[in-house]
Protein backbone atom coordinates (compact mmCIF):
# COMPACT_ATOMS: atom_id res chain seq x y z
CA MET A 1 -33.38 2.87 4.02
CA SER A 2 -32.62 5.36 1.26
CA LEU A 3 -29.49 4.53 -0.72
CA PRO A 4 -26.99 6.93 -2.32
CA ALA A 5 -27.37 7.49 -6.04
CA THR A 6 -24.19 5.47 -6.57
CA ILE A 7 -25.95 2.28 -5.41
CA THR A 8 -28.70 0.50 -7.33
CA VAL A 9 -30.52 -2.64 -6.20
CA GLU A 10 -31.09 -5.68 -8.39
CA GLU A 11 -33.16 -8.75 -7.53
CA SER A 12 -32.36 -11.98 -9.36
CA ALA A 13 -33.15 -15.63 -8.59
CA GLY A 14 -34.01 -14.76 -5.01
CA ILE A 15 -30.78 -12.87 -4.31
CA THR A 16 -30.40 -9.13 -3.78
CA PHE A 17 -27.43 -7.51 -5.48
CA LEU A 18 -26.02 -4.03 -4.88
CA ASN A 19 -24.45 -2.43 -7.93
CA VAL A 20 -22.04 0.38 -7.09
CA GLU A 21 -21.03 2.92 -9.73
CA ASN A 22 -19.09 5.98 -8.63
CA ALA A 23 -16.33 8.26 -9.96
CA PHE A 24 -13.62 5.79 -8.96
CA ALA A 25 -14.86 2.29 -9.75
CA SER A 26 -17.74 -0.10 -10.20
CA SER A 27 -18.54 -3.11 -8.05
CA ARG A 28 -21.25 -5.74 -7.61
CA ILE A 29 -22.09 -7.12 -4.19
CA SER A 30 -24.42 -10.00 -3.29
CA LEU A 31 -26.26 -9.75 0.03
CA TYR A 32 -26.20 -13.54 0.01
CA GLY A 33 -22.87 -14.11 1.75
CA ALA A 34 -21.98 -10.38 1.81
CA HIS A 35 -20.09 -11.42 -1.27
CA VAL A 36 -18.15 -8.84 -3.32
CA LEU A 37 -18.36 -10.21 -6.87
CA SER A 38 -16.44 -7.60 -8.85
CA PHE A 39 -14.22 -4.54 -8.53
CA THR A 40 -13.32 -2.56 -11.63
CA PRO A 41 -11.26 0.63 -11.15
CA LYS A 42 -11.96 3.28 -13.78
CA THR A 43 -8.24 3.96 -14.19
CA ASP A 44 -7.91 0.89 -16.42
CA ASN A 45 -11.39 -0.74 -16.46
CA GLN A 46 -9.95 -4.14 -15.51
CA ASN A 47 -11.99 -6.22 -13.10
CA ARG A 48 -9.62 -7.42 -10.38
CA LEU A 49 -11.88 -10.25 -9.17
CA TRP A 50 -12.65 -13.57 -10.87
CA LEU A 51 -16.13 -15.07 -10.77
CA SER A 52 -16.79 -18.56 -12.06
CA PRO A 53 -19.18 -18.57 -15.04
CA HIS A 54 -20.81 -21.59 -13.34
CA ALA A 55 -21.15 -19.96 -9.91
CA TYR A 56 -24.46 -20.56 -8.16
CA LEU A 57 -26.10 -17.14 -7.94
CA ASN A 58 -29.40 -18.37 -6.53
CA GLY A 59 -28.58 -19.08 -2.89
CA GLU A 60 -28.35 -22.85 -3.33
CA ARG A 61 -24.59 -22.99 -2.66
CA PRO A 62 -21.76 -20.67 -1.65
CA ILE A 63 -20.66 -18.45 -4.55
CA ARG A 64 -17.51 -19.54 -6.41
CA GLY A 65 -15.33 -16.47 -7.00
CA GLY A 66 -15.17 -12.88 -5.81
CA ILE A 67 -14.48 -12.58 -2.06
CA PRO A 68 -16.11 -15.32 0.01
CA ILE A 69 -16.04 -14.75 3.78
CA CYS A 70 -14.72 -17.66 5.83
CA TRP A 71 -15.69 -17.47 9.53
CA PRO A 72 -15.53 -18.60 12.37
CA TRP A 73 -13.27 -21.33 11.07
CA PHE A 74 -11.11 -21.80 7.99
CA SER A 75 -11.57 -24.86 5.76
CA ASP A 76 -12.67 -27.77 8.01
CA ASP A 77 -10.69 -26.68 11.06
CA HIS A 78 -13.71 -26.70 13.39
CA GLY A 79 -12.74 -29.52 15.74
CA GLU A 80 -15.39 -31.94 14.47
CA GLU A 81 -15.25 -34.73 11.93
CA LYS A 82 -14.83 -33.42 8.39
CA GLY A 83 -18.17 -32.90 6.69
CA THR A 84 -20.23 -32.58 9.85
CA LEU A 85 -20.09 -28.78 9.70
CA PRO A 86 -19.95 -26.50 6.63
CA SER A 87 -16.50 -25.88 5.21
CA HIS A 88 -15.30 -22.30 5.88
CA GLY A 89 -18.04 -21.63 8.43
CA PHE A 90 -21.57 -20.30 8.15
CA LEU A 91 -21.34 -16.63 7.14
CA ARG A 92 -20.97 -17.16 3.39
CA THR A 93 -24.37 -18.86 3.12
CA GLN A 94 -26.42 -16.26 4.98
CA VAL A 95 -28.45 -13.32 3.75
CA TRP A 96 -26.86 -10.18 5.20
CA GLN A 97 -28.59 -6.92 6.08
CA ILE A 98 -27.57 -3.38 5.18
CA GLN A 99 -26.67 -1.42 8.31
CA LEU A 100 -25.26 1.73 6.70
CA THR A 101 -24.52 3.30 3.34
CA GLU A 102 -22.79 6.60 2.73
CA GLU A 103 -20.77 8.57 0.23
CA THR A 104 -17.34 9.70 1.42
CA GLU A 105 -14.41 11.46 -0.22
CA ALA A 106 -12.80 8.04 -0.60
CA GLY A 107 -15.81 6.39 -2.23
CA THR A 108 -19.01 4.48 -1.50
CA ARG A 109 -19.21 2.81 1.90
CA ILE A 110 -21.54 -0.08 2.75
CA VAL A 111 -21.73 -1.81 6.14
CA LEU A 112 -23.44 -5.21 6.35
CA SER A 113 -24.31 -7.59 9.18
CA PRO A 114 -25.19 -11.30 9.09
CA SER A 115 -28.51 -12.76 10.19
CA TYR A 116 -26.73 -14.60 13.00
CA SER A 117 -23.17 -15.09 14.27
CA ARG A 118 -23.81 -17.88 16.75
CA GLY A 119 -24.41 -21.34 15.36
CA GLU A 120 -23.50 -25.01 15.53
CA GLY A 121 -19.76 -25.31 16.05
CA PHE A 122 -19.48 -21.75 17.43
CA GLU A 123 -21.89 -21.09 20.27
CA TYR A 124 -20.57 -17.78 21.59
CA ASP A 125 -22.11 -14.34 21.84
CA CYS A 126 -20.48 -12.00 19.36
CA THR A 127 -21.22 -9.27 16.87
CA VAL A 128 -19.95 -9.41 13.29
CA SER A 129 -20.00 -6.69 10.65
CA TYR A 130 -18.51 -6.24 7.19
CA ASP A 131 -17.36 -2.81 6.04
CA ILE A 132 -16.95 -2.37 2.27
CA LEU A 133 -15.46 0.74 0.68
CA VAL A 134 -15.51 1.02 -3.11
CA GLY A 135 -13.16 3.77 -4.26
CA LYS A 136 -9.84 3.96 -6.07
CA GLN A 137 -9.18 0.85 -4.01
CA LEU A 138 -11.52 -1.81 -2.72
CA SER A 139 -11.28 -2.11 1.06
CA VAL A 140 -13.14 -4.86 2.96
CA THR A 141 -12.98 -5.22 6.74
CA LEU A 142 -14.46 -8.05 8.78
CA ARG A 143 -15.07 -7.01 12.38
CA THR A 144 -15.59 -9.55 15.17
CA GLN A 145 -16.55 -8.37 18.64
CA ASN A 146 -16.95 -10.52 21.75
CA SER A 147 -20.27 -9.42 23.21
CA GLY A 148 -20.44 -12.28 25.71
CA VAL A 149 -18.93 -13.05 29.10
CA VAL A 150 -16.37 -15.72 28.17
CA PRO A 151 -13.40 -15.58 25.78
CA PHE A 152 -13.51 -17.38 22.44
CA THR A 153 -11.09 -18.23 19.64
CA PHE A 154 -11.88 -18.01 15.94
CA ASN A 155 -10.26 -18.34 12.52
CA GLY A 156 -11.31 -17.03 9.14
CA ALA A 157 -10.31 -15.61 5.79
CA LEU A 158 -11.13 -13.19 3.01
CA HIS A 159 -10.90 -15.93 0.38
CA THR A 160 -10.31 -13.65 -2.62
CA TYR A 161 -10.27 -14.98 -6.18
CA PHE A 162 -8.14 -12.64 -8.28
CA ALA A 163 -8.51 -12.44 -12.04
CA VAL A 164 -5.28 -13.09 -13.95
CA PRO A 165 -4.76 -13.10 -17.74
CA ASP A 166 -2.79 -16.36 -17.73
CA ILE A 167 -1.85 -18.35 -14.62
CA THR A 168 1.25 -19.71 -16.37
CA GLN A 169 2.56 -16.14 -16.72
CA THR A 170 1.52 -15.03 -13.23
CA SER A 171 3.91 -14.37 -10.35
CA ILE A 172 3.44 -13.32 -6.73
CA MET A 173 5.72 -10.90 -4.93
CA GLY A 174 5.85 -10.09 -1.22
CA ILE A 175 4.98 -13.41 0.41
CA GLU A 176 7.63 -14.50 2.89
CA GLY A 177 8.34 -17.18 5.49
CA ASP A 178 7.47 -20.85 5.62
CA TYR A 179 4.25 -22.40 4.42
CA LYS A 180 2.31 -25.56 5.20
CA ASP A 181 1.64 -27.57 2.05
CA LYS A 182 -1.84 -29.13 2.27
CA LEU A 183 -1.09 -31.28 -0.78
CA GLU A 184 1.97 -32.88 0.83
CA SER A 185 0.70 -33.91 4.27
CA TRP A 186 1.23 -30.42 5.73
CA ALA A 187 4.97 -30.45 5.00
CA VAL A 188 6.61 -27.16 6.01
CA LYS A 189 8.55 -25.48 3.19
CA PRO A 190 10.10 -22.06 2.55
CA SER A 191 8.21 -19.63 0.33
CA PRO A 192 9.61 -19.47 -3.21
CA THR A 193 11.80 -16.47 -3.95
CA HIS A 194 10.46 -16.50 -7.53
CA TYR A 195 6.83 -17.33 -6.83
CA ILE A 196 5.02 -18.81 -9.82
CA ILE A 197 2.18 -21.32 -10.06
CA GLU A 198 3.08 -24.47 -12.00
CA GLY A 199 0.46 -26.95 -10.80
CA GLU A 200 -2.17 -27.55 -8.16
CA THR A 201 -1.36 -25.29 -5.21
CA ASP A 202 -2.82 -25.18 -1.70
CA ARG A 203 -0.54 -23.43 0.79
CA ILE A 204 -0.97 -21.74 4.14
CA HIS A 205 1.86 -19.25 4.55
CA GLN A 206 2.71 -18.66 8.21
CA HIS A 207 3.47 -14.96 7.81
CA PRO A 208 0.98 -12.08 7.47
CA SER A 209 2.78 -10.55 4.43
CA PRO A 210 1.17 -7.07 4.58
CA ASP A 211 1.96 -6.12 0.96
CA VAL A 212 1.62 -8.63 -1.87
CA THR A 213 1.71 -7.93 -5.60
CA ILE A 214 0.23 -10.13 -8.31
CA ALA A 215 2.07 -9.65 -11.60
CA ASP A 216 1.49 -10.75 -15.18
CA ASN A 217 4.64 -11.31 -17.26
CA ASN A 218 6.51 -9.43 -14.50
CA ILE A 219 4.21 -6.41 -14.94
CA PRO A 220 2.49 -5.57 -11.63
CA LEU A 221 -1.26 -5.99 -11.98
CA THR A 222 -2.84 -5.96 -8.51
CA ARG A 223 -1.66 -5.03 -5.02
CA VAL A 224 -3.09 -6.81 -1.99
CA THR A 225 -2.67 -5.13 1.39
CA SER A 226 -3.57 -7.14 4.49
CA MET A 227 -4.07 -6.21 8.14
CA GLY A 228 -5.23 -8.17 11.17
CA ASN A 229 -4.26 -11.53 9.69
CA ASP A 230 -1.66 -14.10 10.74
CA SER A 231 -1.42 -16.01 7.44
CA MET A 232 -1.69 -15.80 3.67
CA VAL A 233 -3.28 -18.63 1.72
CA VAL A 234 -2.43 -19.31 -1.92
CA TRP A 235 -4.71 -21.66 -3.88
CA ASN A 236 -5.23 -22.77 -7.46
CA PRO A 237 -6.87 -26.13 -8.25
CA TRP A 238 -5.13 -26.47 -11.62
CA GLN A 239 -6.57 -29.41 -13.56
CA GLY A 240 -8.51 -30.40 -10.46
CA ALA A 241 -10.94 -27.66 -11.51
CA ALA A 242 -12.55 -30.24 -13.80
CA SER A 243 -13.93 -32.03 -10.73
CA ILE A 244 -15.40 -28.87 -9.17
CA ALA A 245 -19.09 -28.65 -10.11
CA ASP A 246 -19.32 -24.86 -10.20
CA MET A 247 -16.06 -24.23 -12.03
CA ASP A 248 -15.11 -24.53 -15.68
CA ALA A 249 -12.46 -27.18 -16.38
CA PHE A 250 -10.13 -24.48 -17.68
CA GLY A 251 -11.14 -21.77 -15.23
CA PHE A 252 -7.95 -22.31 -13.26
CA LYS A 253 -6.04 -20.55 -16.04
CA HIS A 254 -7.59 -17.19 -15.19
CA MET A 255 -7.82 -17.18 -11.39
CA LEU A 256 -5.57 -17.17 -8.36
CA CYS A 257 -6.65 -17.11 -4.73
CA VAL A 258 -4.46 -14.98 -2.47
CA GLU A 259 -6.27 -14.93 0.85
CA THR A 260 -5.91 -12.69 3.87
CA ALA A 261 -6.40 -15.25 6.61
CA ILE A 262 -6.37 -16.16 10.29
CA THR A 263 -5.44 -19.83 10.58
CA ASN A 264 -3.65 -19.95 13.95
CA GLY A 265 -6.50 -18.53 15.99
CA ILE A 266 -7.38 -15.14 17.45
CA THR A 267 -8.69 -15.14 21.01
CA LEU A 268 -10.99 -12.32 22.12
CA ALA A 269 -11.77 -11.56 25.74
CA PRO A 270 -15.23 -10.18 26.59
CA GLY A 271 -15.59 -6.69 25.13
CA GLN A 272 -12.64 -7.03 22.76
CA ASP A 273 -12.93 -6.80 19.01
CA HIS A 274 -10.76 -7.64 16.03
CA LEU A 275 -10.53 -6.20 12.52
CA MET A 276 -9.25 -8.15 9.51
CA THR A 277 -8.83 -6.00 6.41
CA GLN A 278 -7.91 -6.62 2.79
CA ILE A 279 -7.31 -3.77 0.34
CA VAL A 280 -7.28 -4.48 -3.40
CA ALA A 281 -5.70 -1.89 -5.67
CA GLY A 282 -4.82 -1.72 -9.34
CA LEU A 283 -1.28 -0.86 -10.42
């Protein structure tokens, strides 16, 4: 397949990377996991995504940072005993194939597909694709289509790690409704009206929140637009980062996960499909 001039291919440690450089932005994408690793708009040359300096970029483990794809379940919500199946599903540890590349007025478009979408814990016939558009904004869309003869239910997330200058000066605007607090036995609490991160945070917000803004010192930095989701997940490990093998002990200071997620289940009848989209834009 011939690639547009805006895309160059890099091979490193057994992984293929696509480097995108166009008039609007630059981006790096790993075919291992269909993992978008960076997005830097040329309006301000600030990378909006955080990648751990200790991330495994050799295919041994899922990549820490960027935009991991969680599918067909979120976390360990697969119905089996915890640890028996991979956390966040089996798409983020596959090598994906390029199905299409093209240049459009909006930017560089890349469509990827996984090696397989039927596996242990999810034995249904379906087709999955990932549509990435690198332009003034970064748009990623995960498409799930039921190609079988029976309905199935799935969960998932675009588990995005956003880069922030200082987590203690970071605020989130636009998230509404109640959330389930994973750190307090799933207690249900209202979303903060002044949303700041002051310690370890792991929350599943039960509202799709289509427009969210991440701000630094009350200055808007990044806008997150979500479609096709039923939840928003907010996560920062705080000092717990010291116990995460592929994360610097102080890495929590410069990252914040705001995830476009499906955590309550989407059911697809035969022939139906579903699109979950996240758009990342600088402000």
